[in-house]
C-alpha atoms as a PDB file:
ATOM      1  CA  UNK A   1       0.000   0.000   0.000  1.00  0.00           C
ATOM      2  CA  UNK A   2       3.033   2.254   0.259  1.00  0.00           C
ATOM      3  CA  UNK A   3       3.340   4.703  -2.582  1.00  0.00           C
ATOM      4  CA  UNK A   4       6.637   6.074  -3.826  1.00  0.00           C
ATOM      5  CA  UNK A   5       6.631   9.825  -4.327  1.00  0.00           C
ATOM      6  CA  UNK A   6       9.344  11.610  -6.249  1.00  0.00           C
ATOM      7  CA  UNK A   7       9.891  14.795  -4.310  1.00  0.00           C
ATOM      8  CA  UNK A   8      12.114  17.607  -5.409  1.00  0.00           C
ATOM      9  CA  UNK A   9      13.259  20.352  -3.074  1.00  0.00           C
ATOM     10  CA  UNK A  10      14.732  22.517  -5.805  1.00  0.00           C
ATOM     11  CA  UNK A  11      13.913  26.151  -5.223  1.00  0.00           C
ATOM     12  CA  UNK A  12      13.203  25.858  -1.503  1.00  0.00           C
ATOM     13  CA  UNK A  13      14.732  28.714   0.447  1.00  0.00           C
ATOM     14  CA  UNK A  14      13.793  27.407   3.888  1.00  0.00           C
ATOM     15  CA  UNK A  15      11.623  25.190   6.030  1.00  0.00           C
ATOM     16  CA  UNK A  16       9.911  26.102   9.284  1.00  0.00           C
ATOM     17  CA  UNK A  17       7.710  23.567  11.054  1.00  0.00           C
ATOM     18  CA  UNK A  18       6.421  24.387  14.527  1.00  0.00           C
ATOM     19  CA  UNK A  19       4.852  21.644  16.669  1.00  0.00           C
ATOM     20  CA  UNK A  20       1.754  22.733  18.559  1.00  0.00           C
ATOM     21  CA  UNK A  21      -0.512  20.815  20.882  1.00  0.00           C
ATOM     22  CA  UNK A  22      -4.261  21.031  21.077  1.00  0.00           C
ATOM     23  CA  UNK A  23      -4.953  21.673  17.392  1.00  0.00           C
ATOM     24  CA  UNK A  24      -7.907  19.700  16.058  1.00  0.00           C
ATOM     25  CA  UNK A  25      -7.563  17.989  12.701  1.00  0.00           C
ATOM     26  CA  UNK A  26     -10.866  18.695  10.915  1.00  0.00           C
ATOM     27  CA  UNK A  27     -10.982  15.297   9.174  1.00  0.00           C
ATOM     28  CA  UNK A  28     -10.359  13.458  12.439  1.00  0.00           C
ATOM     29  CA  UNK A  29     -13.026  15.463  14.265  1.00  0.00           C
ATOM     30  CA  UNK A  30     -15.601  15.018  11.483  1.00  0.00           C
ATOM     31  CA  UNK A  31     -15.038  11.259  11.117  1.00  0.00           C
ATOM     32  CA  UNK A  32     -14.403  10.320  14.769  1.00  0.00           C
ATOM     33  CA  UNK A  33     -17.057   7.574  14.919  1.00  0.00           C
ATOM     34  CA  UNK A  34     -15.871   5.875  11.704  1.00  0.00           C
ATOM     35  CA  UNK A  35     -12.222   6.104  12.788  1.00  0.00           C
ATOM     36  CA  UNK A  36     -13.032   4.568  16.178  1.00  0.00           C
ATOM     37  CA  UNK A  37     -15.026   1.737  14.559  1.00  0.00           C
ATOM     38  CA  UNK A  38     -12.218   1.036  12.088  1.00  0.00           C
ATOM     39  CA  UNK A  39      -9.649   1.023  14.888  1.00  0.00           C
ATOM     40  CA  UNK A  40     -11.702  -1.374  17.025  1.00  0.00           C
ATOM     41  CA  UNK A  41     -11.966  -3.777  14.081  1.00  0.00           C
ATOM     42  CA  UNK A  42      -8.233  -3.499  13.306  1.00  0.00           C
ATOM     43  CA  UNK A  43      -7.264  -4.174  16.939  1.00  0.00           C
ATOM     44  CA  UNK A  44      -9.586  -7.183  17.036  1.00  0.00           C
ATOM     45  CA  UNK A  45      -7.431  -8.668  14.246  1.00  0.00           C
ATOM     46  CA  UNK A  46      -4.097  -7.582  15.758  1.00  0.00           C
ATOM     47  CA  UNK A  47      -3.954  -6.681  19.447  1.00  0.00           C
ATOM     48  CA  UNK A  48      -0.339  -5.510  19.083  1.00  0.00           C
ATOM     49  CA  UNK A  49      -1.205  -2.393  17.057  1.00  0.00           C
ATOM     50  CA  UNK A  50       0.102   0.836  18.537  1.00  0.00           C
ATOM     51  CA  UNK A  51      -2.489   3.444  19.482  1.00  0.00           C
ATOM     52  CA  UNK A  52      -0.401   6.359  20.603  1.00  0.00           C
ATOM     53  CA  UNK A  53       0.295   9.964  19.898  1.00  0.00           C
ATOM     54  CA  UNK A  54       1.048  11.061  16.346  1.00  0.00           C
ATOM     55  CA  UNK A  55       2.127  14.300  14.762  1.00  0.00           C
ATOM     56  CA  UNK A  56       0.128  15.724  11.876  1.00  0.00           C
ATOM     57  CA  UNK A  57       0.972  18.677   9.695  1.00  0.00           C
ATOM     58  CA  UNK A  58      -2.432  20.295   9.268  1.00  0.00           C
ATOM     59  CA  UNK A  59      -1.666  23.939   8.498  1.00  0.00           C
ATOM     60  CA  UNK A  60       1.037  24.506   5.914  1.00  0.00           C
ATOM     61  CA  UNK A  61       2.004  26.818   3.104  1.00  0.00           C
ATOM     62  CA  UNK A  62       4.675  27.438   0.523  1.00  0.00           C
ATOM     63  CA  UNK A  63       5.451  31.126   0.129  1.00  0.00           C
ATOM     64  CA  UNK A  64       8.319  32.380  -2.048  1.00  0.00           C
ATOM     65  CA  UNK A  65      10.153  29.069  -1.718  1.00  0.00           C
ATOM     66  CA  UNK A  66       9.731  28.836   2.073  1.00  0.00           C
ATOM     67  CA  UNK A  67       7.701  25.904   3.403  1.00  0.00           C
ATOM     68  CA  UNK A  68       6.099  26.496   6.783  1.00  0.00           C
ATOM     69  CA  UNK A  69       3.570  24.644   8.873  1.00  0.00           C
ATOM     70  CA  UNK A  70       2.331  23.603  12.280  1.00  0.00           C
END
């Protein structure tokens, strides 16, 4: 299921990514019930799955060659 992406960083002048806590991911909020049901089914097949904290880049932009996000 992994997909190879050819990424080029040509033209980037900088990168700034700032971790923040407490930001809601709109997709996750909107689909909470379906995500929880899917997770329960996945864990029933494999009890060793990890259900911990993740980092998501939800607000980002590319402006004049500078990539920034949080």
